[in-house]
Amino acid sequence: MTTTQTLPLKQETDIVVIRQKVRKAAEEARLGLVSQTKIVTAASEIARNALIYGGGGECLIEATTRAGRAALRLVISDQGPGIADIERALVDGYTSGSGLGLGLSGSRRLVDEFVLRSQVGAGTTVELWKWK
Protein backbone atom coordinates (compact mmCIF):
# COMPACT_ATOMS: atom_id res chain seq x y z
CA MET A 1 0.00 0.00 0.00
CA THR A 2 1.32 3.42 -0.95
CA THR A 3 0.74 6.44 1.28
CA THR A 4 1.73 9.97 0.41
CA GLN A 5 1.74 13.35 2.06
CA THR A 6 2.91 16.70 0.77
CA LEU A 7 4.33 19.24 3.16
CA PRO A 8 4.98 22.94 2.59
CA LEU A 9 8.53 24.27 2.69
CA LYS A 10 8.19 28.01 3.24
CA GLN A 11 10.12 28.73 6.44
CA GLU A 12 12.83 27.31 8.70
CA THR A 13 10.32 25.57 11.00
CA ASP A 14 8.98 23.59 8.01
CA ILE A 15 12.36 21.81 7.83
CA VAL A 16 11.83 20.56 11.39
CA VAL A 17 8.36 19.26 10.48
CA ILE A 18 9.74 17.56 7.34
CA ARG A 19 12.46 15.87 9.42
CA GLN A 20 9.84 14.59 11.91
CA LYS A 21 7.47 13.32 9.20
CA VAL A 22 10.29 11.63 7.25
CA ARG A 23 11.51 9.90 10.43
CA LYS A 24 7.99 8.68 11.20
CA ALA A 25 7.50 7.42 7.62
CA ALA A 26 10.91 5.68 7.73
CA GLU A 27 9.98 3.98 11.00
CA GLU A 28 6.63 2.88 9.56
CA ALA A 29 8.42 1.51 6.48
CA ARG A 30 10.54 -0.48 8.95
CA LEU A 31 13.82 0.91 7.72
CA GLY A 32 16.72 0.18 10.05
CA LEU A 33 17.93 2.91 12.41
CA VAL A 34 20.96 3.75 10.26
CA SER A 35 18.79 3.99 7.12
CA GLN A 36 16.29 6.16 9.01
CA THR A 37 19.06 8.53 10.07
CA LYS A 38 20.46 8.70 6.54
CA ILE A 39 17.15 9.53 4.85
CA VAL A 40 16.25 12.11 7.52
CA THR A 41 19.66 13.77 7.14
CA ALA A 42 19.40 13.84 3.35
CA ALA A 43 15.86 15.24 3.53
CA SER A 44 17.02 17.96 5.91
CA GLU A 45 19.94 18.97 3.68
CA ILE A 46 17.89 19.08 0.48
CA ALA A 47 14.98 20.89 2.16
CA ARG A 48 17.39 23.49 3.54
CA ASN A 49 18.86 24.00 0.05
CA ALA A 50 15.36 24.37 -1.44
CA LEU A 51 14.49 26.97 1.18
CA ILE A 52 17.75 28.96 1.06
CA TYR A 53 18.60 28.79 -2.63
CA GLY A 54 15.18 28.08 -4.16
CA GLY A 55 12.99 30.29 -2.01
CA GLY A 56 10.99 27.35 -0.62
CA GLY A 57 8.73 24.79 -2.18
CA GLU A 58 7.32 21.49 -0.98
CA CYS A 59 8.27 17.98 0.09
CA LEU A 60 6.36 14.89 -0.98
CA ILE A 61 6.83 11.86 1.28
CA GLU A 62 5.76 8.54 -0.18
CA ALA A 63 5.89 5.20 1.60
CA THR A 64 5.67 2.52 -1.08
CA THR A 65 7.23 -0.71 -2.29
CA ARG A 66 9.86 -1.19 -4.94
CA ALA A 67 10.75 -4.60 -6.34
CA GLY A 68 8.84 -6.15 -3.45
CA ARG A 69 10.74 -4.18 -0.80
CA ALA A 70 9.44 -1.42 1.47
CA ALA A 71 10.68 1.93 0.24
CA LEU A 72 10.56 5.57 1.14
CA ARG A 73 10.55 8.11 -1.70
CA LEU A 74 10.94 11.84 -1.14
CA VAL A 75 10.50 14.52 -3.77
CA ILE A 76 11.64 17.99 -2.70
CA SER A 77 11.00 20.75 -5.20
CA ASP A 78 11.26 24.51 -5.48
CA GLN A 79 10.51 27.14 -8.12
CA GLY A 80 13.79 28.99 -7.60
CA PRO A 81 16.50 30.03 -10.05
CA GLY A 82 17.56 26.45 -10.81
CA ILE A 83 21.07 25.02 -11.08
CA ALA A 84 23.02 25.96 -14.19
CA ASP A 85 25.72 23.27 -13.87
CA ILE A 86 24.34 20.17 -12.14
CA GLU A 87 27.54 18.16 -12.57
CA ARG A 88 29.58 20.87 -10.85
CA ALA A 89 26.95 21.32 -8.12
CA LEU A 90 27.34 17.62 -7.21
CA VAL A 91 31.10 17.93 -6.60
CA ASP A 92 32.15 17.93 -2.93
CA GLY A 93 33.09 21.43 -1.83
CA TYR A 94 31.28 23.33 -4.58
CA THR A 95 28.92 25.95 -3.20
CA SER A 96 26.99 28.79 -4.72
CA GLY A 97 26.54 30.30 -1.28
CA SER A 98 28.32 30.32 2.04
CA GLY A 99 27.91 26.63 2.93
CA LEU A 100 30.47 23.84 2.90
CA GLY A 101 29.34 22.52 -0.47
CA LEU A 102 28.41 19.08 0.88
CA GLY A 103 24.60 19.24 0.84
CA LEU A 104 23.91 17.75 -2.58
CA SER A 105 26.91 15.44 -2.81
CA GLY A 106 26.56 14.28 0.79
CA SER A 107 22.85 13.65 0.39
CA ARG A 108 23.49 11.62 -2.75
CA ARG A 109 25.79 9.31 -0.75
CA LEU A 110 23.19 8.84 2.02
CA VAL A 111 20.40 7.40 -0.12
CA ASP A 112 19.94 4.40 -2.41
CA GLU A 113 18.86 6.48 -5.38
CA PHE A 114 19.27 10.21 -6.01
CA VAL A 115 17.79 12.06 -8.98
CA LEU A 116 18.32 15.79 -9.48
CA ARG A 117 16.41 17.70 -12.13
CA SER A 118 16.84 21.43 -12.57
CA GLN A 119 16.11 24.05 -15.15
CA VAL A 120 17.54 27.55 -14.96
CA GLY A 121 14.72 29.94 -14.17
CA ALA A 122 12.24 27.17 -13.42
CA GLY A 123 13.43 25.51 -10.22
CA THR A 124 14.91 22.28 -8.95
CA THR A 125 13.48 18.89 -7.98
CA VAL A 126 15.41 16.28 -6.01
CA GLU A 127 14.10 12.73 -5.67
CA LEU A 128 15.51 10.58 -2.87
CA TRP A 129 14.91 6.84 -2.41
CA LYS A 130 15.74 4.62 0.54
CA TRP A 131 14.50 1.05 0.68
CA LYS A 132 14.54 -1.77 3.16
C-alpha atoms as a PDB file:
ATOM      1  CA  MET A   1       0.000   0.000   0.000  1.00  0.00           C
ATOM      2  CA  THR A   2       1.315   3.419  -0.947  1.00  0.00           C
ATOM      3  CA  THR A   3       0.744   6.440   1.278  1.00  0.00           C
ATOM      4  CA  THR A   4       1.732   9.972   0.413  1.00  0.00           C
ATOM      5  CA  GLN A   5       1.744  13.354   2.060  1.00  0.00           C
ATOM      6  CA  THR A   6       2.910  16.698   0.770  1.00  0.00           C
ATOM      7  CA  LEU A   7       4.332  19.245   3.164  1.00  0.00           C
ATOM      8  CA  PRO A   8       4.983  22.942   2.586  1.00  0.00           C
ATOM      9  CA  LEU A   9       8.525  24.274   2.689  1.00  0.00           C
ATOM     10  CA  LYS A  10       8.193  28.014   3.239  1.00  0.00           C
ATOM     11  CA  GLN A  11      10.115  28.731   6.440  1.00  0.00           C
ATOM     12  CA  GLU A  12      12.827  27.306   8.698  1.00  0.00           C
ATOM     13  CA  THR A  13      10.316  25.569  10.996  1.00  0.00           C
ATOM     14  CA  ASP A  14       8.983  23.590   8.006  1.00  0.00           C
ATOM     15  CA  ILE A  15      12.363  21.813   7.827  1.00  0.00           C
ATOM     16  CA  VAL A  16      11.830  20.559  11.391  1.00  0.00           C
ATOM     17  CA  VAL A  17       8.363  19.259  10.478  1.00  0.00           C
ATOM     18  CA  ILE A  18       9.736  17.561   7.344  1.00  0.00           C
ATOM     19  CA  ARG A  19      12.460  15.866   9.420  1.00  0.00           C
ATOM     20  CA  GLN A  20       9.845  14.594  11.906  1.00  0.00           C
ATOM     21  CA  LYS A  21       7.473  13.316   9.204  1.00  0.00           C
ATOM     22  CA  VAL A  22      10.292  11.627   7.253  1.00  0.00           C
ATOM     23  CA  ARG A  23      11.515   9.901  10.430  1.00  0.00           C
ATOM     24  CA  LYS A  24       7.986   8.680  11.197  1.00  0.00           C
ATOM     25  CA  ALA A  25       7.503   7.417   7.621  1.00  0.00           C
ATOM     26  CA  ALA A  26      10.911   5.679   7.726  1.00  0.00           C
ATOM     27  CA  GLU A  27       9.980   3.978  11.001  1.00  0.00           C
ATOM     28  CA  GLU A  28       6.628   2.881   9.564  1.00  0.00           C
ATOM     29  CA  ALA A  29       8.420   1.507   6.479  1.00  0.00           C
ATOM     30  CA  ARG A  30      10.536  -0.476   8.952  1.00  0.00           C
ATOM     31  CA  LEU A  31      13.817   0.913   7.720  1.00  0.00           C
ATOM     32  CA  GLY A  32      16.716   0.183  10.051  1.00  0.00           C
ATOM     33  CA  LEU A  33      17.926   2.907  12.409  1.00  0.00           C
ATOM     34  CA  VAL A  34      20.965   3.753  10.257  1.00  0.00           C
ATOM     35  CA  SER A  35      18.791   3.991   7.122  1.00  0.00           C
ATOM     36  CA  GLN A  36      16.290   6.163   9.010  1.00  0.00           C
ATOM     37  CA  THR A  37      19.058   8.532  10.068  1.00  0.00           C
ATOM     38  CA  LYS A  38      20.464   8.701   6.538  1.00  0.00           C
ATOM     39  CA  ILE A  39      17.147   9.531   4.847  1.00  0.00           C
ATOM     40  CA  VAL A  40      16.254  12.105   7.515  1.00  0.00           C
ATOM     41  CA  THR A  41      19.664  13.770   7.140  1.00  0.00           C
ATOM     42  CA  ALA A  42      19.398  13.835   3.353  1.00  0.00           C
ATOM     43  CA  ALA A  43      15.863  15.245   3.532  1.00  0.00           C
ATOM     44  CA  SER A  44      17.020  17.963   5.909  1.00  0.00           C
ATOM     45  CA  GLU A  45      19.941  18.973   3.675  1.00  0.00           C
ATOM     46  CA  ILE A  46      17.893  19.084   0.475  1.00  0.00           C
ATOM     47  CA  ALA A  47      14.985  20.887   2.157  1.00  0.00           C
ATOM     48  CA  ARG A  48      17.388  23.491   3.539  1.00  0.00           C
ATOM     49  CA  ASN A  49      18.858  24.004   0.048  1.00  0.00           C
ATOM     50  CA  ALA A  50      15.363  24.370  -1.437  1.00  0.00           C
ATOM     51  CA  LEU A  51      14.494  26.974   1.183  1.00  0.00           C
ATOM     52  CA  ILE A  52      17.751  28.957   1.063  1.00  0.00           C
ATOM     53  CA  TYR A  53      18.597  28.794  -2.634  1.00  0.00           C
ATOM     54  CA  GLY A  54      15.185  28.078  -4.159  1.00  0.00           C
ATOM     55  CA  GLY A  55      12.991  30.293  -2.006  1.00  0.00           C
ATOM     56  CA  GLY A  56      10.991  27.355  -0.619  1.00  0.00           C
ATOM     57  CA  GLY A  57       8.731  24.786  -2.177  1.00  0.00           C
ATOM     58  CA  GLU A  58       7.325  21.488  -0.979  1.00  0.00           C
ATOM     59  CA  CYS A  59       8.267  17.983   0.093  1.00  0.00           C
ATOM     60  CA  LEU A  60       6.364  14.891  -0.975  1.00  0.00           C
ATOM     61  CA  ILE A  61       6.835  11.856   1.284  1.00  0.00           C
ATOM     62  CA  GLU A  62       5.762   8.535  -0.180  1.00  0.00           C
ATOM     63  CA  ALA A  63       5.886   5.200   1.598  1.00  0.00           C
ATOM     64  CA  THR A  64       5.670   2.520  -1.084  1.00  0.00           C
ATOM     65  CA  THR A  65       7.231  -0.711  -2.287  1.00  0.00           C
ATOM     66  CA  ARG A  66       9.859  -1.190  -4.942  1.00  0.00           C
ATOM     67  CA  ALA A  67      10.747  -4.597  -6.344  1.00  0.00           C
ATOM     68  CA  GLY A  68       8.844  -6.148  -3.446  1.00  0.00           C
ATOM     69  CA  ARG A  69      10.744  -4.175  -0.800  1.00  0.00           C
ATOM     70  CA  ALA A  70       9.445  -1.424   1.467  1.00  0.00           C
ATOM     71  CA  ALA A  71      10.683   1.932   0.244  1.00  0.00           C
ATOM     72  CA  LEU A  72      10.564   5.573   1.139  1.00  0.00           C
ATOM     73  CA  ARG A  73      10.552   8.113  -1.699  1.00  0.00           C
ATOM     74  CA  LEU A  74      10.939  11.842  -1.140  1.00  0.00           C
ATOM     75  CA  VAL A  75      10.503  14.523  -3.767  1.00  0.00           C
ATOM     76  CA  ILE A  76      11.644  17.988  -2.700  1.00  0.00           C
ATOM     77  CA  SER A  77      10.995  20.754  -5.196  1.00  0.00           C
ATOM     78  CA  ASP A  78      11.260  24.511  -5.483  1.00  0.00           C
ATOM     79  CA  GLN A  79      10.509  27.136  -8.123  1.00  0.00           C
ATOM     80  CA  GLY A  80      13.786  28.990  -7.605  1.00  0.00           C
ATOM     81  CA  PRO A  81      16.502  30.029 -10.053  1.00  0.00           C
ATOM     82  CA  GLY A  82      17.563  26.452 -10.810  1.00  0.00           C
ATOM     83  CA  ILE A  83      21.068  25.022 -11.079  1.00  0.00           C
ATOM     84  CA  ALA A  84      23.024  25.960 -14.192  1.00  0.00           C
ATOM     85  CA  ASP A  85      25.720  23.274 -13.872  1.00  0.00           C
ATOM     86  CA  ILE A  86      24.338  20.172 -12.142  1.00  0.00           C
ATOM     87  CA  GLU A  87      27.541  18.162 -12.573  1.00  0.00           C
ATOM     88  CA  ARG A  88      29.578  20.865 -10.854  1.00  0.00           C
ATOM     89  CA  ALA A  89      26.953  21.316  -8.119  1.00  0.00           C
ATOM     90  CA  LEU A  90      27.345  17.620  -7.210  1.00  0.00           C
ATOM     91  CA  VAL A  91      31.102  17.931  -6.598  1.00  0.00           C
ATOM     92  CA  ASP A  92      32.151  17.931  -2.934  1.00  0.00           C
ATOM     93  CA  GLY A  93      33.091  21.430  -1.825  1.00  0.00           C
ATOM     94  CA  TYR A  94      31.279  23.328  -4.583  1.00  0.00           C
ATOM     95  CA  THR A  95      28.924  25.947  -3.201  1.00  0.00           C
ATOM     96  CA  SER A  96      26.987  28.795  -4.719  1.00  0.00           C
ATOM     97  CA  GLY A  97      26.540  30.305  -1.281  1.00  0.00           C
ATOM     98  CA  SER A  98      28.322  30.316   2.045  1.00  0.00           C
ATOM     99  CA  GLY A  99      27.906  26.630   2.926  1.00  0.00           C
ATOM    100  CA  LEU A 100      30.475  23.840   2.901  1.00  0.00           C
ATOM    101  CA  GLY A 101      29.338  22.517  -0.469  1.00  0.00           C
ATOM    102  CA  LEU A 102      28.412  19.085   0.883  1.00  0.00           C
ATOM    103  CA  GLY A 103      24.596  19.242   0.837  1.00  0.00           C
ATOM    104  CA  LEU A 104      23.906  17.747  -2.582  1.00  0.00           C
ATOM    105  CA  SER A 105      26.913  15.443  -2.812  1.00  0.00           C
ATOM    106  CA  GLY A 106      26.558  14.279   0.794  1.00  0.00           C
ATOM    107  CA  SER A 107      22.848  13.646   0.395  1.00  0.00           C
ATOM    108  CA  ARG A 108      23.487  11.619  -2.750  1.00  0.00           C
ATOM    109  CA  ARG A 109      25.787   9.313  -0.751  1.00  0.00           C
ATOM    110  CA  LEU A 110      23.194   8.843   2.022  1.00  0.00           C
ATOM    111  CA  VAL A 111      20.404   7.398  -0.116  1.00  0.00           C
ATOM    112  CA  ASP A 112      19.942   4.399  -2.406  1.00  0.00           C
ATOM    113  CA  GLU A 113      18.864   6.479  -5.377  1.00  0.00           C
ATOM    114  CA  PHE A 114      19.266  10.212  -6.012  1.00  0.00           C
ATOM    115  CA  VAL A 115      17.788  12.059  -8.982  1.00  0.00           C
ATOM    116  CA  LEU A 116      18.316  15.792  -9.476  1.00  0.00           C
ATOM    117  CA  ARG A 117      16.406  17.700 -12.134  1.00  0.00           C
ATOM    118  CA  SER A 118      16.836  21.429 -12.568  1.00  0.00           C
ATOM    119  CA  GLN A 119      16.114  24.054 -15.151  1.00  0.00           C
ATOM    120  CA  VAL A 120      17.544  27.548 -14.965  1.00  0.00           C
ATOM    121  CA  GLY A 121      14.724  29.944 -14.174  1.00  0.00           C
ATOM    122  CA  ALA A 122      12.242  27.170 -13.424  1.00  0.00           C
ATOM    123  CA  GLY A 123      13.429  25.509 -10.219  1.00  0.00           C
ATOM    124  CA  THR A 124      14.905  22.277  -8.951  1.00  0.00           C
ATOM    125  CA  THR A 125      13.484  18.889  -7.977  1.00  0.00           C
ATOM    126  CA  VAL A 126      15.413  16.284  -6.009  1.00  0.00           C
ATOM    127  CA  GLU A 127      14.105  12.733  -5.673  1.00  0.00           C
ATOM    128  CA  LEU A 128      15.512  10.583  -2.870  1.00  0.00           C
ATOM    129  CA  TRP A 129      14.912   6.835  -2.410  1.00  0.00           C
ATOM    130  CA  LYS A 130      15.741   4.618   0.545  1.00  0.00           C
ATOM    131  CA  TRP A 131      14.498   1.051   0.677  1.00  0.00           C
ATOM    132  CA  LYS A 132      14.542  -1.773   3.158  1.00  0.00           C
END
